[in-house]
Amino acid sequence: MIPNIISVAIVIAVLIIIHEFGHLLLAKISGVPVEKFSIGFGPALIKTKIKETVYQLSLIPFGGY
């Protein structure tokens, strides 16, 4: 049971990453400035700034902005 839950959680997280990356890519191509790209909500676990965009991985991986 637990491996199934973990597998579903991983698949959902990967889909969220792909979805949010699509938003980022379209914004960058269109010339829209992106201040922050985050996978997850809550406090940042890892973050780095490249040019004007802060990229971060946050504690709760089910979502992004």
C-alpha atoms as a PDB file:
ATOM      1  CA  MET A   1       0.000   0.000   0.000  1.00  0.00           C
ATOM      2  CA  ILE A   2       2.715   2.487   0.980  1.00  0.00           C
ATOM      3  CA  PRO A   3       4.768   1.917  -2.204  1.00  0.00           C
ATOM      4  CA  ASN A   4       1.630   2.640  -4.249  1.00  0.00           C
ATOM      5  CA  ILE A   5       1.051   5.910  -2.397  1.00  0.00           C
ATOM      6  CA  ILE A   6       4.680   6.912  -2.872  1.00  0.00           C
ATOM      7  CA  SER A   7       4.515   6.031  -6.577  1.00  0.00           C
ATOM      8  CA  VAL A   8       1.384   8.137  -7.062  1.00  0.00           C
ATOM      9  CA  ALA A   9       2.979  11.033  -5.158  1.00  0.00           C
ATOM     10  CA  ILE A  10       6.080  10.882  -7.377  1.00  0.00           C
ATOM     11  CA  VAL A  11       4.004  10.805 -10.572  1.00  0.00           C
ATOM     12  CA  ILE A  12       1.928  13.784  -9.413  1.00  0.00           C
ATOM     13  CA  ALA A  13       5.078  15.716  -8.479  1.00  0.00           C
ATOM     14  CA  VAL A  14       6.614  15.040 -11.914  1.00  0.00           C
ATOM     15  CA  LEU A  15       3.420  16.175 -13.653  1.00  0.00           C
ATOM     16  CA  ILE A  16       3.426  19.376 -11.610  1.00  0.00           C
ATOM     17  CA  ILE A  17       7.054  20.045 -12.542  1.00  0.00           C
ATOM     18  CA  ILE A  18       6.286  19.576 -16.250  1.00  0.00           C
ATOM     19  CA  HIS A  19       3.170  21.760 -15.997  1.00  0.00           C
ATOM     20  CA  GLU A  20       4.912  24.610 -14.172  1.00  0.00           C
ATOM     21  CA  PHE A  21       7.928  24.408 -16.482  1.00  0.00           C
ATOM     22  CA  GLY A  22       5.547  24.932 -19.420  1.00  0.00           C
ATOM     23  CA  HIS A  23       4.350  28.180 -17.823  1.00  0.00           C
ATOM     24  CA  LEU A  24       7.949  29.276 -17.259  1.00  0.00           C
ATOM     25  CA  LEU A  25       9.020  28.436 -20.798  1.00  0.00           C
ATOM     26  CA  LEU A  26       6.126  30.303 -22.398  1.00  0.00           C
ATOM     27  CA  ALA A  27       6.703  33.350 -20.198  1.00  0.00           C
ATOM     28  CA  LYS A  28      10.419  33.424 -21.038  1.00  0.00           C
ATOM     29  CA  ILE A  29       9.744  33.016 -24.779  1.00  0.00           C
ATOM     30  CA  SER A  30       7.132  35.789 -24.643  1.00  0.00           C
ATOM     31  CA  GLY A  31       9.477  38.159 -22.828  1.00  0.00           C
ATOM     32  CA  VAL A  32       7.418  38.242 -19.635  1.00  0.00           C
ATOM     33  CA  PRO A  33       9.690  38.738 -16.609  1.00  0.00           C
ATOM     34  CA  VAL A  34       9.534  35.875 -14.120  1.00  0.00           C
ATOM     35  CA  GLU A  35      10.456  36.832 -10.555  1.00  0.00           C
ATOM     36  CA  LYS A  36      10.182  33.366  -8.997  1.00  0.00           C
ATOM     37  CA  PHE A  37       9.756  29.786 -10.223  1.00  0.00           C
ATOM     38  CA  SER A  38       8.923  27.381  -7.414  1.00  0.00           C
ATOM     39  CA  ILE A  39       8.128  23.717  -7.260  1.00  0.00           C
ATOM     40  CA  GLY A  40       6.182  23.250  -4.065  1.00  0.00           C
ATOM     41  CA  PHE A  41       4.801  25.485  -1.357  1.00  0.00           C
ATOM     42  CA  GLY A  42       6.072  26.502   2.037  1.00  0.00           C
ATOM     43  CA  PRO A  43       9.626  27.265   3.051  1.00  0.00           C
ATOM     44  CA  ALA A  44      12.321  26.945   0.407  1.00  0.00           C
ATOM     45  CA  LEU A  45      14.628  23.958   0.774  1.00  0.00           C
ATOM     46  CA  ILE A  46      16.931  24.958  -2.079  1.00  0.00           C
ATOM     47  CA  LYS A  47      16.979  28.182  -4.054  1.00  0.00           C
ATOM     48  CA  THR A  48      19.195  29.941  -6.519  1.00  0.00           C
ATOM     49  CA  LYS A  49      18.937  33.109  -8.580  1.00  0.00           C
ATOM     50  CA  ILE A  50      19.777  33.111 -12.275  1.00  0.00           C
ATOM     51  CA  LYS A  51      19.470  36.534 -13.889  1.00  0.00           C
ATOM     52  CA  GLU A  52      16.154  37.997 -12.680  1.00  0.00           C
ATOM     53  CA  THR A  53      14.506  34.683 -11.728  1.00  0.00           C
ATOM     54  CA  VAL A  54      14.697  32.889  -8.392  1.00  0.00           C
ATOM     55  CA  TYR A  55      14.364  29.109  -8.824  1.00  0.00           C
ATOM     56  CA  GLN A  56      13.398  27.175  -5.732  1.00  0.00           C
ATOM     57  CA  LEU A  57      12.342  23.777  -4.442  1.00  0.00           C
ATOM     58  CA  SER A  58       9.984  24.067  -1.483  1.00  0.00           C
ATOM     59  CA  LEU A  59       8.965  21.739   1.308  1.00  0.00           C
ATOM     60  CA  ILE A  60       5.508  20.602   0.080  1.00  0.00           C
ATOM     61  CA  PRO A  61       5.943  19.390  -3.533  1.00  0.00           C
ATOM     62  CA  PHE A  62       2.240  19.306  -4.515  1.00  0.00           C
ATOM     63  CA  GLY A  63       1.929  22.573  -6.382  1.00  0.00           C
ATOM     64  CA  GLY A  64       4.040  25.348  -7.689  1.00  0.00           C
ATOM     65  CA  TYR A  65       4.128  28.862  -8.999  1.00  0.00           C
END
